[in-house]
Amino acid sequence: MENLTCPECGDKIVGRSDKKFCSDACRNAYNNKQNKTSTNYMRNINNKLRKNYRILSEHNFEGKTKVNRHKLLSAGFDFDFITQIVTYKNGAQYFFVYEQGYKILDNDWVLLVKKNN
C-alpha cells in the first residue's frame, strides 16, 4: 500500500485504500475551494433574486397593485433579475420572481401581481 497524503492539508491518510482525504473537514474545505467561483456567482444571483422577491412582496400585499417604477428602484429592485417571463394570449408580458410578478405600464408605472399556484 502506498503512503497517500491529504490534498488539503498534506497529512498522511489512514484507513481505506480508496480514501482521498484525512478527514471530513479537509474534504469539505477542499471541495469548497474548488467550487468557490461558481458558488459565489450563484450566491450573488440568488441574493439579487431574494432581494427582488422581498421588494415585490412588500409592495404587493394585496395580490395586485400599481406602483411607480422609481419606488421599486429606490428600494433596490433590479429589473435585470427575474425567474420567468410569461406572455399571455392577449400579448401582455409579465416578469416574475417566483410567484411575484410585474407588468411594465406607461408613464413609469408598474402593475404588481401574484400568481395563484
Protein backbone atom coordinates (compact mmCIF):
# COMPACT_ATOMS: atom_id res chain seq x y z
CA MET A 1 0.00 0.00 0.00
CA GLU A 2 1.33 3.41 -0.93
CA ASN A 3 1.50 6.31 1.50
CA LEU A 4 -1.18 8.79 0.47
CA THR A 5 -1.33 12.37 1.65
CA CYS A 6 -4.35 14.58 2.04
CA PRO A 7 -4.60 17.06 -0.88
CA GLU A 8 -5.93 19.73 1.51
CA CYS A 9 -3.54 19.62 4.49
CA GLY A 10 -0.79 17.21 3.44
CA ASP A 11 -1.25 14.86 6.40
CA LYS A 12 -0.91 11.11 5.96
CA ILE A 13 -4.19 9.37 5.11
CA VAL A 14 -5.04 6.45 7.37
CA GLY A 15 -7.85 4.00 6.63
CA ARG A 16 -9.38 2.59 3.48
CA SER A 17 -7.21 2.36 0.39
CA ASP A 18 -9.62 4.49 -1.66
CA LYS A 19 -9.80 7.28 0.91
CA LYS A 20 -8.76 10.65 -0.56
CA PHE A 21 -8.81 12.97 2.46
CA CYS A 22 -7.69 12.62 6.06
CA SER A 23 -10.99 13.96 7.45
CA ASP A 24 -14.43 15.28 6.55
CA ALA A 25 -13.24 18.78 7.40
CA CYS A 26 -10.42 18.58 4.84
CA ARG A 27 -12.75 17.07 2.22
CA ASN A 28 -15.26 19.91 2.75
CA ALA A 29 -12.59 22.61 2.72
CA TYR A 30 -11.06 21.22 -0.47
CA ASN A 31 -14.40 20.96 -2.28
CA ASN A 32 -15.48 24.42 -1.12
CA LYS A 33 -12.28 25.90 -2.58
CA GLN A 34 -12.85 24.05 -5.86
CA ASN A 35 -16.42 25.35 -6.15
CA LYS A 36 -15.79 28.84 -4.79
CA THR A 37 -16.04 30.74 -8.09
CA SER A 38 -19.28 29.19 -9.29
CA THR A 39 -20.72 29.17 -5.78
CA ASN A 40 -20.04 32.90 -5.34
CA TYR A 41 -21.63 33.65 -8.72
CA MET A 42 -24.74 31.63 -7.86
CA ARG A 43 -24.88 33.11 -4.36
CA ASN A 44 -24.78 36.65 -5.77
CA ILE A 45 -27.58 35.92 -8.24
CA ASN A 46 -29.70 34.20 -5.58
CA ASN A 47 -29.20 37.19 -3.27
CA LYS A 48 -30.43 39.54 -6.01
CA LEU A 49 -33.45 37.32 -6.70
CA ARG A 50 -34.26 37.15 -2.97
CA LYS A 51 -34.00 40.93 -2.68
CA ASN A 52 -36.26 41.44 -5.71
CA TYR A 53 -38.77 38.94 -4.30
CA ARG A 54 -38.80 40.70 -0.92
CA ILE A 55 -39.32 44.12 -2.54
CA LEU A 56 -42.19 42.86 -4.73
CA SER A 57 -43.80 41.14 -1.73
CA GLU A 58 -43.56 44.26 0.43
CA HIS A 59 -45.14 46.44 -2.24
CA ASN A 60 -47.80 43.93 -3.31
CA PHE A 61 -49.51 42.83 -0.10
CA GLU A 62 -52.98 42.83 -1.73
CA GLY A 63 -52.11 40.49 -4.62
CA LYS A 64 -52.47 43.14 -7.32
CA THR A 65 -51.42 46.78 -7.14
CA LYS A 66 -49.83 49.62 -9.10
CA VAL A 67 -46.58 51.23 -8.00
CA ASN A 68 -44.25 53.77 -9.54
CA ARG A 69 -41.10 52.31 -11.10
CA HIS A 70 -38.93 54.78 -9.18
CA LYS A 71 -40.31 53.49 -5.88
CA LEU A 72 -39.10 49.98 -6.73
CA LEU A 73 -35.74 51.28 -7.90
CA SER A 74 -35.25 53.33 -4.73
CA ALA A 75 -35.94 50.18 -2.68
CA GLY A 76 -33.12 48.46 -4.57
CA PHE A 77 -35.12 46.46 -7.11
CA ASP A 78 -33.06 45.25 -10.08
CA PHE A 79 -35.19 44.72 -13.20
CA ASP A 80 -32.46 42.52 -14.72
CA PHE A 81 -33.04 39.64 -12.28
CA ILE A 82 -36.19 37.57 -12.78
CA THR A 83 -37.03 33.87 -12.80
CA GLN A 84 -39.63 33.76 -15.58
CA ILE A 85 -41.26 35.73 -18.40
CA VAL A 86 -44.88 34.90 -19.21
CA THR A 87 -46.58 36.18 -22.37
CA TYR A 88 -50.35 35.76 -22.31
CA LYS A 89 -52.64 35.23 -25.31
CA ASN A 90 -53.51 38.93 -25.41
CA GLY A 91 -49.79 39.75 -25.82
CA ALA A 92 -49.33 41.06 -22.27
CA GLN A 93 -45.89 40.26 -20.95
CA TYR A 94 -45.31 39.70 -17.24
CA PHE A 95 -41.98 39.24 -15.50
CA PHE A 96 -41.85 37.02 -12.42
CA VAL A 97 -39.59 36.46 -9.46
CA TYR A 98 -41.04 33.14 -8.37
CA GLU A 99 -44.78 33.82 -7.88
CA GLN A 100 -44.40 37.61 -7.50
CA GLY A 101 -44.68 39.34 -10.87
CA TYR A 102 -44.99 42.64 -12.60
CA LYS A 103 -46.00 44.20 -15.89
CA ILE A 104 -44.47 47.42 -17.17
CA LEU A 105 -47.13 50.06 -17.76
CA ASP A 106 -46.97 53.51 -19.33
CA ASN A 107 -45.66 56.63 -17.58
CA ASP A 108 -43.25 54.76 -15.25
CA TRP A 109 -45.98 52.70 -13.59
CA VAL A 110 -45.63 49.01 -12.82
CA LEU A 111 -48.51 46.61 -12.18
CA LEU A 112 -47.59 44.12 -9.44
CA VAL A 113 -49.34 40.74 -9.43
CA LYS A 114 -49.11 37.47 -7.59
CA LYS A 115 -49.59 34.08 -9.26
CA ASN A 116 -52.07 31.77 -7.64
CA ASN A 117 -50.37 28.38 -7.51
